[in-house]
N, C-alpha and C. Protein backbone atom coordinates (compact mmCIF):
# COMPACT_ATOMS: atom_id res chain seq x y z
N MET A 1 -27.04 35.04 34.69
CA MET A 1 -25.54 34.75 34.42
C MET A 1 -24.99 32.57 34.51
N ILE A 2 -24.56 32.47 33.80
CA ILE A 2 -24.11 30.76 33.57
C ILE A 2 -23.41 30.76 34.81
N SER A 3 -23.60 29.08 35.19
CA SER A 3 -22.83 28.58 36.45
C SER A 3 -21.73 27.88 35.67
N GLN A 4 -20.51 27.96 36.57
CA GLN A 4 -19.45 27.17 35.96
C GLN A 4 -19.51 25.57 35.36
N SER A 5 -20.49 24.85 36.33
CA SER A 5 -20.80 24.06 36.40
C SER A 5 -21.76 24.08 34.22
N LYS A 6 -22.54 24.78 34.51
CA LYS A 6 -23.57 24.80 33.27
C LYS A 6 -22.27 24.94 31.86
N THR A 7 -21.40 25.83 32.36
CA THR A 7 -20.30 26.29 31.14
C THR A 7 -19.28 25.08 31.06
N ALA A 8 -18.44 24.59 31.81
CA ALA A 8 -18.15 23.48 31.69
C ALA A 8 -19.31 22.03 30.88
N SER A 9 -20.68 21.91 31.46
CA SER A 9 -21.23 21.35 31.12
C SER A 9 -21.27 21.42 29.17
N PHE A 10 -21.16 23.23 28.90
CA PHE A 10 -21.76 23.60 27.58
C PHE A 10 -20.38 22.68 26.72
N ILE A 11 -19.19 22.89 27.53
CA ILE A 11 -17.77 23.41 26.11
C ILE A 11 -17.73 21.54 26.36
N SER A 12 -18.10 20.48 27.36
CA SER A 12 -17.93 19.33 27.19
C SER A 12 -18.78 18.78 25.95
N SER A 13 -20.06 19.18 26.05
CA SER A 13 -20.82 18.90 24.78
C SER A 13 -20.31 18.84 23.33
N PHE A 14 -19.98 20.21 23.28
CA PHE A 14 -19.43 20.90 22.14
C PHE A 14 -18.54 19.99 21.69
N VAL A 15 -17.38 19.53 22.88
CA VAL A 15 -16.00 19.35 21.98
C VAL A 15 -16.84 17.74 21.69
N ILE A 16 -17.55 16.94 22.30
CA ILE A 16 -18.08 15.72 22.00
C ILE A 16 -18.90 15.68 21.00
N LEU A 17 -19.70 16.62 20.42
CA LEU A 17 -20.02 16.71 19.24
C LEU A 17 -19.29 17.39 17.92
N SER A 18 -18.38 18.11 18.32
CA SER A 18 -17.42 18.38 17.12
C SER A 18 -16.60 17.45 16.98
N VAL A 19 -15.98 16.35 17.71
CA VAL A 19 -15.11 15.41 17.31
C VAL A 19 -16.26 14.03 16.48
N PHE A 20 -17.64 14.12 17.27
CA PHE A 20 -18.22 13.26 16.41
C PHE A 20 -18.58 14.06 15.16
N ALA A 21 -18.97 15.12 15.02
CA ALA A 21 -18.99 15.82 13.72
C ALA A 21 -17.98 15.74 12.76
N VAL A 22 -16.62 15.53 13.51
CA VAL A 22 -15.18 15.32 12.50
C VAL A 22 -14.81 14.01 11.80
N SER A 23 -15.73 12.80 13.04
CA SER A 23 -15.59 11.46 12.28
C SER A 23 -16.25 11.28 11.61
N ALA A 24 -18.43 11.68 11.56
CA ALA A 24 -18.77 11.69 10.44
C ALA A 24 -18.33 12.15 9.13
N ALA A 25 -17.78 13.12 9.07
CA ALA A 25 -17.01 13.94 7.83
C ALA A 25 -16.02 12.66 7.49
N ARG A 26 -15.34 12.03 8.34
CA ARG A 26 -14.34 11.02 7.98
C ARG A 26 -15.33 9.62 7.51
N ALA A 27 -16.09 9.53 7.18
CA ALA A 27 -16.88 8.31 7.06
C ALA A 27 -16.17 7.06 6.87
N ASP A 28 -16.47 6.08 7.75
CA ASP A 28 -15.60 5.15 7.63
C ASP A 28 -15.84 4.04 6.27
N ASP A 29 -14.94 3.11 5.94
CA ASP A 29 -15.07 2.83 4.62
C ASP A 29 -16.38 1.75 4.63
N SER A 30 -17.12 0.99 3.29
CA SER A 30 -18.16 0.74 3.86
C SER A 30 -17.60 -0.79 3.70
N LEU A 31 -18.93 -2.06 4.12
CA LEU A 31 -18.17 -3.19 4.31
C LEU A 31 -17.27 -3.66 3.55
N GLU A 32 -18.26 -3.60 2.10
CA GLU A 32 -17.57 -3.77 0.78
C GLU A 32 -16.01 -3.42 0.98
N VAL A 33 -15.87 -2.15 0.95
CA VAL A 33 -14.24 -1.49 0.42
C VAL A 33 -13.61 -1.63 1.94
N LYS A 34 -13.88 -2.23 2.94
CA LYS A 34 -13.14 -2.79 3.97
C LYS A 34 -12.95 -4.13 3.55
N ARG A 35 -13.80 -5.22 3.00
CA ARG A 35 -13.44 -6.50 2.57
C ARG A 35 -12.34 -6.20 1.35
N TRP A 36 -12.44 -5.23 0.68
CA TRP A 36 -12.16 -5.44 -0.92
C TRP A 36 -10.35 -4.80 0.45
N LYS A 37 -10.00 -4.28 0.42
CA LYS A 37 -9.19 -3.62 1.65
C LYS A 37 -8.18 -5.37 2.22
N GLU A 38 -9.02 -5.46 2.95
CA GLU A 38 -8.33 -6.72 3.68
C GLU A 38 -7.82 -8.06 2.76
N ARG A 39 -8.91 -8.17 1.74
CA ARG A 39 -8.45 -8.84 0.41
C ARG A 39 -7.28 -8.94 -0.10
N SER A 40 -6.96 -7.40 -0.23
CA SER A 40 -6.06 -6.85 -0.98
C SER A 40 -5.00 -7.49 -0.48
N GLU A 41 -4.70 -6.47 0.99
CA GLU A 41 -3.77 -6.64 1.58
C GLU A 41 -3.14 -8.31 2.07
N LYS A 42 -3.61 -9.41 2.29
CA LYS A 42 -3.60 -10.63 2.43
C LYS A 42 -2.94 -10.50 0.97
N SER A 43 -3.57 -10.47 0.08
CA SER A 43 -2.53 -11.03 -0.98
C SER A 43 -1.07 -10.79 -1.60
N LEU A 44 -1.36 -9.76 -0.83
CA LEU A 44 -0.12 -8.81 -1.12
C LEU A 44 0.76 -9.34 0.04
N GLN A 45 0.92 -9.38 1.64
CA GLN A 45 1.56 -10.25 2.39
C GLN A 45 1.91 -11.30 1.33
N LEU A 46 0.98 -12.49 1.26
CA LEU A 46 1.28 -13.71 0.83
C LEU A 46 2.37 -13.73 -0.39
N SER A 47 2.37 -12.56 -1.11
CA SER A 47 3.35 -12.32 -1.90
C SER A 47 4.72 -12.21 -1.30
N ILE A 48 4.63 -10.86 -0.31
CA ILE A 48 5.86 -10.72 0.23
C ILE A 48 6.39 -11.71 0.55
N ASP A 49 5.91 -12.69 1.52
CA ASP A 49 6.45 -13.78 2.04
C ASP A 49 7.07 -14.95 1.02
N ALA A 50 6.37 -14.86 0.02
CA ALA A 50 7.42 -15.44 -0.88
C ALA A 50 8.69 -15.24 -1.28
N ALA A 51 8.50 -13.67 -1.64
CA ALA A 51 9.68 -13.03 -2.07
C ALA A 51 11.16 -12.91 -0.65
N ASN A 52 10.05 -12.95 0.65
CA ASN A 52 10.88 -12.97 1.43
C ASN A 52 11.80 -14.18 1.58
N LYS A 53 10.66 -15.83 1.57
CA LYS A 53 11.72 -16.76 1.44
C LYS A 53 12.84 -16.66 0.23
N LYS A 54 11.79 -16.35 -0.64
CA LYS A 54 13.30 -16.55 -1.97
C LYS A 54 14.57 -15.83 -1.58
N CYS A 55 14.12 -14.49 -1.18
CA CYS A 55 15.41 -13.48 -1.19
C CYS A 55 15.95 -13.93 0.55
N GLY A 56 15.60 -14.64 1.41
CA GLY A 56 16.20 -14.66 2.95
C GLY A 56 16.21 -12.95 3.45
N ALA A 57 14.66 -12.56 2.94
CA ALA A 57 14.94 -11.13 3.28
C ALA A 57 13.78 -11.22 4.52
N THR A 58 13.79 -10.22 5.44
CA THR A 58 12.29 -9.57 6.29
C THR A 58 11.65 -7.91 5.66
N ILE A 59 11.29 -8.18 4.60
CA ILE A 59 10.54 -7.25 3.21
C ILE A 59 9.19 -7.03 3.85
N THR A 60 8.79 -5.75 4.24
CA THR A 60 7.48 -5.60 4.42
C THR A 60 6.58 -5.17 3.88
N GLY A 61 5.25 -4.94 3.57
CA GLY A 61 4.79 -4.37 2.45
C GLY A 61 3.25 -4.24 3.03
N ARG A 62 2.64 -2.93 2.35
CA ARG A 62 1.54 -2.34 2.72
C ARG A 62 0.96 -1.33 1.62
N PHE A 63 -0.01 -1.04 1.60
CA PHE A 63 -0.80 -0.64 0.50
C PHE A 63 -1.10 1.42 1.03
N ASP A 64 -0.88 1.91 0.48
CA ASP A 64 -0.93 3.68 0.98
C ASP A 64 -2.60 4.21 0.22
N TRP A 65 -3.62 3.32 1.12
CA TRP A 65 -5.01 3.43 0.49
C TRP A 65 -5.39 5.22 0.24
N SER A 66 -3.97 6.55 1.06
CA SER A 66 -5.06 7.86 1.30
C SER A 66 -5.32 8.30 0.08
N ALA A 67 -5.20 8.22 -1.30
CA ALA A 67 -5.74 8.62 -2.20
C ALA A 67 -6.45 7.68 -2.93
N THR A 68 -6.93 6.58 -2.66
CA THR A 68 -7.13 5.61 -3.47
C THR A 68 -9.08 5.68 -3.58
N LYS A 69 -9.24 5.73 -4.39
CA LYS A 69 -11.51 5.95 -4.30
C LYS A 69 -11.21 4.02 -4.91
N TYR A 70 -12.60 3.64 -3.91
CA TYR A 70 -12.81 2.71 -4.65
C TYR A 70 -13.33 2.85 -5.90
N ASP A 71 -14.45 3.64 -6.13
CA ASP A 71 -15.39 3.19 -6.97
C ASP A 71 -14.30 3.55 -8.19
N ASP A 72 -12.92 4.05 -8.92
CA ASP A 72 -12.10 3.85 -9.50
C ASP A 72 -11.12 2.96 -9.27
N PHE A 73 -10.70 1.77 -8.70
CA PHE A 73 -10.18 0.73 -8.29
C PHE A 73 -10.86 -0.43 -7.63
N GLY A 74 -11.87 -0.39 -7.37
CA GLY A 74 -11.96 -1.43 -6.72
C GLY A 74 -12.27 -2.96 -7.75
N THR A 75 -12.95 -2.40 -9.03
CA THR A 75 -13.07 -3.23 -9.66
C THR A 75 -11.97 -3.68 -10.39
N LYS A 76 -10.85 -2.42 -11.00
CA LYS A 76 -9.75 -2.97 -11.86
C LYS A 76 -8.43 -2.86 -10.69
N LEU A 77 -8.00 -2.97 -9.71
CA LEU A 77 -6.93 -3.24 -8.72
C LEU A 77 -7.14 -4.95 -8.67
N SER A 78 -6.41 -5.59 -9.12
CA SER A 78 -6.54 -6.86 -8.98
C SER A 78 -4.71 -7.06 -8.72
N ALA A 79 -5.46 -8.49 -8.03
CA ALA A 79 -3.72 -9.31 -7.56
C ALA A 79 -3.00 -8.78 -8.58
N PRO A 80 -2.96 -9.52 -9.17
CA PRO A 80 -1.77 -9.80 -10.72
C PRO A 80 -0.92 -7.98 -10.80
N ARG A 81 -1.93 -7.17 -10.49
CA ARG A 81 -0.94 -5.73 -10.54
C ARG A 81 -0.95 -5.18 -9.98
N TYR A 82 -1.20 -5.78 -8.44
CA TYR A 82 -0.12 -5.18 -7.27
C TYR A 82 0.83 -6.28 -6.68
N GLN A 83 0.99 -7.55 -7.51
CA GLN A 83 1.67 -8.55 -7.01
C GLN A 83 3.13 -8.06 -7.74
N VAL A 84 2.39 -7.44 -9.06
CA VAL A 84 4.09 -7.28 -9.44
C VAL A 84 5.50 -6.96 -8.81
N ALA A 85 5.15 -5.83 -7.89
CA ALA A 85 6.14 -5.59 -7.12
C ALA A 85 7.35 -6.74 -6.75
N PRO A 86 6.36 -7.20 -5.38
CA PRO A 86 7.05 -8.28 -4.61
C PRO A 86 7.49 -9.75 -5.79
N ASN A 87 6.35 -9.86 -6.76
CA ASN A 87 7.13 -10.80 -7.52
C ASN A 87 8.28 -10.78 -8.58
N ALA A 88 8.64 -9.55 -8.64
CA ALA A 88 9.98 -8.99 -9.18
C ALA A 88 10.55 -9.27 -8.49
N VAL A 89 10.38 -8.60 -7.41
CA VAL A 89 11.83 -8.90 -6.06
C VAL A 89 12.03 -10.54 -6.06
N GLU A 90 10.66 -11.19 -5.81
CA GLU A 90 11.33 -12.41 -5.82
C GLU A 90 12.23 -13.50 -7.25
N ALA A 91 11.65 -12.95 -8.20
CA ALA A 91 12.34 -12.92 -9.47
C ALA A 91 13.59 -12.93 -9.52
N ALA A 92 13.72 -11.47 -9.24
CA ALA A 92 15.17 -11.48 -9.04
C ALA A 92 16.29 -11.99 -8.43
N CYS A 93 15.95 -12.23 -7.39
CA CYS A 93 16.34 -12.93 -6.45
C CYS A 93 16.89 -14.58 -7.09
N ALA A 94 15.45 -15.03 -7.58
CA ALA A 94 16.16 -16.11 -8.73
C ALA A 94 17.25 -16.31 -9.20
N THR A 95 17.63 -14.98 -9.71
CA THR A 95 19.05 -15.10 -10.20
C THR A 95 19.97 -15.68 -9.80
N GLY A 96 20.40 -15.25 -8.50
CA GLY A 96 21.23 -15.70 -7.57
C GLY A 96 21.36 -14.42 -6.27
N ASP A 97 22.81 -15.26 -5.79
CA ASP A 97 22.87 -14.97 -4.72
C ASP A 97 23.22 -13.92 -4.08
N ASP A 98 24.31 -13.23 -5.23
CA ASP A 98 24.77 -12.06 -5.24
C ASP A 98 23.01 -11.19 -5.22
N ALA A 99 22.45 -11.45 -6.44
CA ALA A 99 20.71 -10.74 -6.67
C ALA A 99 20.28 -10.33 -4.86
N LYS A 100 20.13 -11.80 -4.40
CA LYS A 100 19.90 -11.92 -3.00
C LYS A 100 20.11 -11.34 -2.18
N ALA A 101 21.11 -11.19 -1.90
CA ALA A 101 22.11 -9.90 -1.36
C ALA A 101 21.89 -8.82 -1.65
N ALA A 102 21.85 -8.56 -2.99
CA ALA A 102 21.25 -6.72 -2.98
C ALA A 102 19.65 -6.32 -2.72
N VAL A 103 19.02 -7.72 -2.79
CA VAL A 103 17.97 -6.91 -2.40
C VAL A 103 17.86 -6.59 -0.75
N ARG A 104 18.25 -7.59 -0.05
CA ARG A 104 18.42 -7.74 1.41
C ARG A 104 18.67 -5.92 1.95
N LYS A 105 19.61 -5.95 0.81
CA LYS A 105 20.35 -4.35 1.40
C LYS A 105 19.17 -3.66 0.57
N ALA A 106 18.97 -3.21 -0.25
CA ALA A 106 17.94 -2.27 -1.00
C ALA A 106 16.87 -2.36 -0.68
N ILE A 107 16.34 -3.17 -0.48
CA ILE A 107 15.17 -3.01 -0.10
C ILE A 107 14.17 -3.56 0.74
N LYS A 108 13.52 -2.72 1.83
CA LYS A 108 12.80 -3.22 3.28
C LYS A 108 11.90 -2.89 3.41
N THR A 109 10.81 -2.10 2.76
CA THR A 109 9.46 -2.25 2.34
C THR A 109 9.08 -2.09 1.21
N ILE A 110 7.72 -3.01 0.35
CA ILE A 110 7.10 -2.46 -0.87
C ILE A 110 5.82 -2.05 -0.21
N VAL A 111 5.59 -0.13 -1.00
CA VAL A 111 4.35 0.36 -0.78
C VAL A 111 3.53 0.29 -2.39
N ILE A 112 3.05 -0.47 -1.95
CA ILE A 112 1.72 -0.36 -3.46
C ILE A 112 0.50 1.53 -2.93
N LYS A 113 0.80 2.38 -4.76
CA LYS A 113 0.08 2.74 -4.04
C LYS A 113 -0.39 3.60 -5.45
N PRO A 114 -1.86 3.05 -5.37
CA PRO A 114 -3.11 3.11 -6.33
C PRO A 114 -2.94 4.19 -6.65
N SER A 115 -2.93 4.69 -8.16
CA SER A 115 -2.56 6.49 -8.66
C SER A 115 -3.78 6.38 -9.26
N ALA A 116 -3.97 7.68 -9.81
CA ALA A 116 -4.93 8.25 -11.13
C ALA A 116 -4.41 8.45 -11.96
N GLY A 117 -3.12 8.60 -12.39
CA GLY A 117 -2.30 8.68 -13.07
C GLY A 117 -1.91 7.95 -14.62
N ALA A 118 -1.37 8.60 -15.43
CA ALA A 118 -1.22 7.92 -16.51
C ALA A 118 -0.78 6.60 -16.46
N GLN A 119 0.19 5.96 -16.32
CA GLN A 119 1.35 4.45 -16.21
C GLN A 119 1.44 4.33 -14.94
N SER A 120 1.56 3.09 -14.90
CA SER A 120 2.17 2.75 -13.63
C SER A 120 3.57 2.52 -13.86
N LYS A 121 4.16 2.64 -12.43
CA LYS A 121 5.76 2.81 -12.07
C LYS A 121 6.21 1.89 -11.46
N LEU A 122 7.57 1.63 -11.78
CA LEU A 122 8.70 1.86 -10.23
C LEU A 122 8.76 2.82 -9.71
N GLU A 123 9.05 3.04 -8.16
CA GLU A 123 10.37 3.59 -8.10
C GLU A 123 10.85 2.72 -6.72
N LEU A 124 12.41 2.81 -6.76
CA LEU A 124 13.17 2.79 -5.82
C LEU A 124 13.64 3.65 -4.96
N LYS A 125 13.37 4.02 -3.70
CA LYS A 125 14.39 5.34 -2.76
C LYS A 125 13.94 4.78 -1.34
N ALA A 126 15.36 5.25 -1.02
CA ALA A 126 15.65 5.26 0.87
C ALA A 126 15.01 3.67 1.10
N GLY A 127 15.70 2.59 0.74
CA GLY A 127 14.81 1.12 0.86
C GLY A 127 13.07 0.80 0.49
N GLU A 128 12.43 1.76 0.40
CA GLU A 128 11.51 1.77 -0.19
C GLU A 128 10.99 1.46 -1.69
N LEU A 129 10.56 0.46 -2.05
CA LEU A 129 9.76 0.07 -3.41
C LEU A 129 8.73 0.64 -3.90
N ASP A 130 8.53 1.30 -4.49
CA ASP A 130 7.16 2.06 -4.77
C ASP A 130 6.74 1.33 -5.88
N LEU A 131 5.21 0.96 -5.57
CA LEU A 131 4.51 0.63 -7.15
C LEU A 131 3.66 1.27 -7.45
N ILE A 132 3.34 2.27 -8.16
CA ILE A 132 2.62 3.23 -8.81
C ILE A 132 1.65 2.68 -9.27
N VAL A 133 0.49 2.45 -9.17
CA VAL A 133 -0.19 1.14 -9.91
C VAL A 133 -1.49 1.71 -10.02
N VAL A 134 -1.54 2.15 -11.73
CA VAL A 134 -2.74 2.61 -12.40
C VAL A 134 -3.71 1.79 -13.10
N PRO A 135 -5.50 2.05 -12.67
CA PRO A 135 -6.43 0.82 -13.16
C PRO A 135 -6.68 0.16 -14.46
N ASP A 136 -5.80 1.30 -15.07
CA ASP A 136 -5.74 0.73 -17.06
C ASP A 136 -4.52 0.32 -17.21
N HIS A 137 -3.31 0.18 -16.78
CA HIS A 137 -2.20 0.21 -16.94
C HIS A 137 -1.61 -0.85 -16.33
N ASN A 138 -0.51 -1.72 -17.18
CA ASN A 138 -0.29 -2.97 -16.56
C ASN A 138 1.22 -2.95 -16.55
N VAL A 139 1.88 -3.32 -15.43
CA VAL A 139 3.56 -3.66 -15.77
C VAL A 139 3.94 -4.67 -15.68
N MET A 140 4.34 -5.59 -16.74
CA MET A 140 4.70 -6.82 -16.86
C MET A 140 5.59 -6.61 -16.05
N ARG A 141 5.57 -8.51 -15.19
CA ARG A 141 6.24 -8.64 -14.39
C ARG A 141 7.84 -8.75 -14.94
N GLU A 142 8.08 -9.46 -16.77
CA GLU A 142 9.60 -9.32 -16.98
C GLU A 142 10.29 -8.20 -17.07
N ASP A 143 9.71 -6.80 -17.81
CA ASP A 143 9.59 -6.05 -17.43
C ASP A 143 10.04 -5.01 -15.60
N ALA A 144 9.13 -5.66 -15.21
CA ALA A 144 9.53 -5.33 -13.78
C ALA A 144 10.78 -5.64 -12.97
N LYS A 145 10.74 -7.23 -13.26
CA LYS A 145 11.92 -7.91 -13.20
C LYS A 145 13.46 -7.18 -13.13
N ALA A 146 13.67 -6.89 -14.65
CA ALA A 146 14.74 -6.09 -15.37
C ALA A 146 14.46 -4.63 -14.85
N TRP A 147 13.50 -4.14 -14.30
CA TRP A 147 13.97 -2.71 -13.37
C TRP A 147 14.60 -3.39 -12.23
N VAL A 148 13.86 -3.60 -11.55
CA VAL A 148 14.73 -3.86 -10.60
C VAL A 148 15.95 -4.19 -10.26
N LEU A 149 16.28 -5.39 -11.01
CA LEU A 149 17.89 -5.92 -11.81
C LEU A 149 18.61 -4.62 -12.01
N LYS A 150 18.41 -4.12 -12.67
CA LYS A 150 19.58 -2.56 -13.05
C LYS A 150 19.39 -2.03 -11.61
N ARG A 151 18.14 -1.22 -10.94
CA ARG A 151 18.47 -0.76 -9.70
C ARG A 151 18.95 -1.40 -8.22
N LEU A 152 19.69 -2.62 -8.49
CA LEU A 152 20.44 -3.74 -7.23
C LEU A 152 22.00 -2.92 -6.83
C-alpha cells in the first residue's frame, strides 16, 4: 500500500509535470517573433498617440495576435499597413471640430487583426475600430479616411 505522503508527492509531481507539458505545448515565441511584435506594438502606439493628439481623444490600440502566424505575416505586415486605421482617424479629425467630437464619441480602441482572408477591411462596432489586415492587400489611407468619415 502507498502511504498518503507518497500519494500526495505523486499527485504534486503529476500536477507540476502536467503544467510544464501544457506550457511547453504553448511554446513561447522565438526572440525574433517577440521583437517583431514589440516593434509593431510600439509603432502602432506612436500612430495612436498622433491620432489622440489631433483628435483630443484617449483612444487605445492593440494587436490581436491570436490568429497571427509569423511565417505568414513577419515580412509582410509592415507599419504602413497597420497604421492605416490610426492614420485614417487622425486624418478624419483634421477635417474639423465636428469630426473630432464624433471620433471621441465613436472610437474608444483600435484593434489590428492580422488575417489570412482575401481582403483588408475596416469594421466599427461598439467603440472598437478593427483593421482586419491581410498580408497581400493594402487599404489606402484616403479610402480609410473616407470610410471612417462615413461611419462617424
